[in-house]
């Protein structure tokens, strides 16, 4: 065990855990969106825009 010194900071960090958490998050969000899209029946509902009524001033 001459190569391991537990008193010094780690020099070679492992990137496996952060990358796996990131990939699992992306897959979870994608699955959520796909399931949500399939549950809506695929019907496209148009958006309605309500414009404010123009007011005129009488002098």
N, C-alpha and C. Protein backbone atom coordinates (compact mmCIF):
# COMPACT_ATOMS: atom_id res chain seq x y z
N UNK A 1 0.82 -1.19 0.00
CA UNK A 1 0.00 0.00 0.00
C UNK A 1 0.86 1.25 0.00
N UNK A 2 1.93 1.20 -0.69
CA UNK A 2 2.81 2.37 -0.72
C UNK A 2 2.26 3.46 -1.63
N UNK A 3 1.36 3.13 -2.56
CA UNK A 3 0.83 4.13 -3.50
C UNK A 3 -0.36 4.91 -2.96
N UNK A 4 -0.95 4.50 -1.84
CA UNK A 4 -2.14 5.16 -1.33
C UNK A 4 -1.81 5.98 -0.10
N UNK A 5 -2.03 7.27 -0.17
CA UNK A 5 -1.85 8.15 0.98
C UNK A 5 -3.21 8.79 1.27
N UNK A 6 -3.82 8.40 2.36
CA UNK A 6 -5.17 8.85 2.66
C UNK A 6 -5.20 10.22 3.34
N UNK A 7 -4.06 10.83 3.55
CA UNK A 7 -4.01 12.14 4.19
C UNK A 7 -4.05 13.27 3.16
N UNK A 8 -3.82 12.97 1.89
CA UNK A 8 -3.81 13.99 0.85
C UNK A 8 -5.15 14.03 0.12
N UNK A 9 -5.46 15.16 -0.52
CA UNK A 9 -6.71 15.22 -1.30
C UNK A 9 -6.63 14.30 -2.51
N UNK A 10 -7.80 13.95 -3.01
CA UNK A 10 -7.89 13.04 -4.15
C UNK A 10 -7.43 13.75 -5.42
N UNK A 11 -6.57 13.10 -6.18
CA UNK A 11 -6.05 13.70 -7.41
C UNK A 11 -6.80 13.21 -8.65
N UNK A 12 -7.35 12.03 -8.61
CA UNK A 12 -8.04 11.45 -9.76
C UNK A 12 -9.49 11.21 -9.36
N UNK A 13 -10.35 12.16 -9.69
CA UNK A 13 -11.75 12.04 -9.33
C UNK A 13 -12.48 11.18 -10.35
N UNK A 14 -13.42 10.42 -9.88
CA UNK A 14 -14.22 9.57 -10.76
C UNK A 14 -15.42 10.36 -11.27
N UNK A 15 -15.68 10.28 -12.55
CA UNK A 15 -16.81 11.01 -13.14
C UNK A 15 -18.00 10.10 -13.41
N UNK A 16 -17.92 8.86 -12.99
CA UNK A 16 -19.00 7.91 -13.29
C UNK A 16 -20.30 8.26 -12.61
N UNK A 17 -20.26 8.65 -11.34
CA UNK A 17 -21.49 8.94 -10.60
C UNK A 17 -22.21 10.18 -11.14
N UNK A 18 -21.54 11.33 -11.34
CA UNK A 18 -22.26 12.49 -11.88
C UNK A 18 -22.84 12.26 -13.27
N UNK A 19 -22.10 11.54 -14.11
CA UNK A 19 -22.60 11.29 -15.46
C UNK A 19 -23.81 10.35 -15.42
N UNK A 20 -23.77 9.35 -14.55
CA UNK A 20 -24.91 8.43 -14.46
C UNK A 20 -26.14 9.14 -13.89
N UNK A 21 -25.94 10.04 -12.94
CA UNK A 21 -27.08 10.81 -12.41
C UNK A 21 -27.66 11.70 -13.50
N UNK A 22 -26.81 12.32 -14.29
CA UNK A 22 -27.27 13.18 -15.38
C UNK A 22 -28.05 12.38 -16.41
N UNK A 23 -27.53 11.22 -16.81
CA UNK A 23 -28.22 10.40 -17.81
C UNK A 23 -29.54 9.86 -17.28
N UNK A 24 -29.57 9.45 -16.02
CA UNK A 24 -30.83 8.98 -15.44
C UNK A 24 -31.86 10.10 -15.37
N UNK A 25 -31.42 11.31 -15.09
CA UNK A 25 -32.34 12.45 -15.06
C UNK A 25 -32.91 12.73 -16.44
N UNK A 26 -32.06 12.71 -17.46
CA UNK A 26 -32.51 12.96 -18.83
C UNK A 26 -33.49 11.87 -19.27
N UNK A 27 -33.18 10.62 -18.96
CA UNK A 27 -34.09 9.53 -19.33
C UNK A 27 -35.41 9.62 -18.58
N UNK A 28 -35.36 10.00 -17.32
CA UNK A 28 -36.59 10.14 -16.54
C UNK A 28 -37.48 11.25 -17.06
N UNK A 29 -36.88 12.39 -17.39
CA UNK A 29 -37.66 13.51 -17.93
C UNK A 29 -38.23 13.15 -19.30
N UNK A 30 -37.45 12.47 -20.13
CA UNK A 30 -37.94 12.06 -21.45
C UNK A 30 -39.10 11.09 -21.32
N UNK A 31 -38.98 10.13 -20.42
CA UNK A 31 -40.08 9.18 -20.21
C UNK A 31 -41.32 9.89 -19.70
N UNK A 32 -41.16 10.84 -18.80
CA UNK A 32 -42.29 11.60 -18.28
C UNK A 32 -43.00 12.37 -19.40
N UNK A 33 -42.22 13.00 -20.28
CA UNK A 33 -42.83 13.75 -21.38
C UNK A 33 -43.51 12.83 -22.38
N UNK A 34 -42.92 11.68 -22.67
CA UNK A 34 -43.54 10.75 -23.61
C UNK A 34 -44.82 10.17 -23.06
N UNK A 35 -44.84 9.79 -21.78
CA UNK A 35 -46.05 9.25 -21.17
C UNK A 35 -47.12 10.33 -21.10
N UNK A 36 -46.74 11.54 -20.73
CA UNK A 36 -47.70 12.64 -20.68
C UNK A 36 -48.27 12.97 -22.04
N UNK A 37 -47.44 12.89 -23.08
CA UNK A 37 -47.92 13.16 -24.43
C UNK A 37 -48.85 12.08 -24.94
N UNK A 38 -48.61 10.83 -24.54
CA UNK A 38 -49.49 9.76 -24.99
C UNK A 38 -50.81 9.77 -24.24
N UNK A 39 -50.82 10.26 -23.01
CA UNK A 39 -52.06 10.30 -22.24
C UNK A 39 -53.01 11.40 -22.70
N UNK A 40 -52.50 12.41 -23.37
CA UNK A 40 -53.37 13.49 -23.84
C UNK A 40 -54.15 13.09 -25.08
N UNK A 41 -53.87 11.97 -25.67
CA UNK A 41 -54.63 11.51 -26.83
C UNK A 41 -54.10 12.05 -28.14
N UNK A 42 -53.08 12.86 -28.12
CA UNK A 42 -52.50 13.38 -29.35
C UNK A 42 -53.31 14.48 -30.00
N UNK A 43 -54.36 14.94 -29.34
CA UNK A 43 -55.16 16.01 -29.93
C UNK A 43 -54.42 17.33 -29.74
N UNK A 44 -54.37 18.09 -30.81
CA UNK A 44 -53.71 19.39 -30.76
C UNK A 44 -54.76 20.45 -30.45
N UNK A 45 -54.56 21.15 -29.38
CA UNK A 45 -55.48 22.21 -29.00
C UNK A 45 -54.82 23.53 -29.34
N UNK A 46 -55.54 24.36 -30.07
CA UNK A 46 -55.00 25.65 -30.45
C UNK A 46 -54.99 26.62 -29.28
N UNK A 47 -54.07 27.53 -29.30
CA UNK A 47 -53.98 28.53 -28.25
C UNK A 47 -54.91 29.69 -28.58
N UNK A 48 -55.49 30.28 -27.55
CA UNK A 48 -56.33 31.45 -27.73
C UNK A 48 -55.61 32.65 -27.15
N UNK A 49 -55.62 33.73 -27.93
CA UNK A 49 -54.98 34.96 -27.49
C UNK A 49 -56.05 36.01 -27.35
N UNK A 50 -56.15 36.59 -26.18
CA UNK A 50 -57.12 37.64 -25.93
C UNK A 50 -56.39 38.97 -25.86
N UNK A 51 -56.70 39.83 -26.82
CA UNK A 51 -56.07 41.14 -26.87
C UNK A 51 -56.87 42.11 -26.02
N UNK A 52 -56.21 43.06 -25.39
CA UNK A 52 -56.94 44.05 -24.59
C UNK A 52 -57.76 44.97 -25.50
N UNK A 53 -58.87 45.41 -24.98
CA UNK A 53 -59.77 46.29 -25.73
C UNK A 53 -59.18 47.69 -25.69
N UNK A 54 -59.10 48.32 -26.86
CA UNK A 54 -58.55 49.67 -26.95
C UNK A 54 -59.57 50.63 -26.39
N UNK A 55 -59.12 51.50 -25.50
CA UNK A 55 -60.00 52.50 -24.91
C UNK A 55 -59.70 53.87 -25.53
N UNK A 56 -60.76 54.60 -25.80
CA UNK A 56 -60.60 55.94 -26.37
C UNK A 56 -60.95 56.97 -25.30
N UNK A 57 -60.27 58.09 -25.33
CA UNK A 57 -60.54 59.16 -24.39
C UNK A 57 -61.35 60.24 -25.06
N UNK A 58 -62.40 60.68 -24.39
CA UNK A 58 -63.22 61.76 -24.91
C UNK A 58 -62.76 63.05 -24.27
N UNK A 59 -62.51 64.08 -25.09
CA UNK A 59 -62.11 65.37 -24.57
C UNK A 59 -63.26 66.29 -24.47
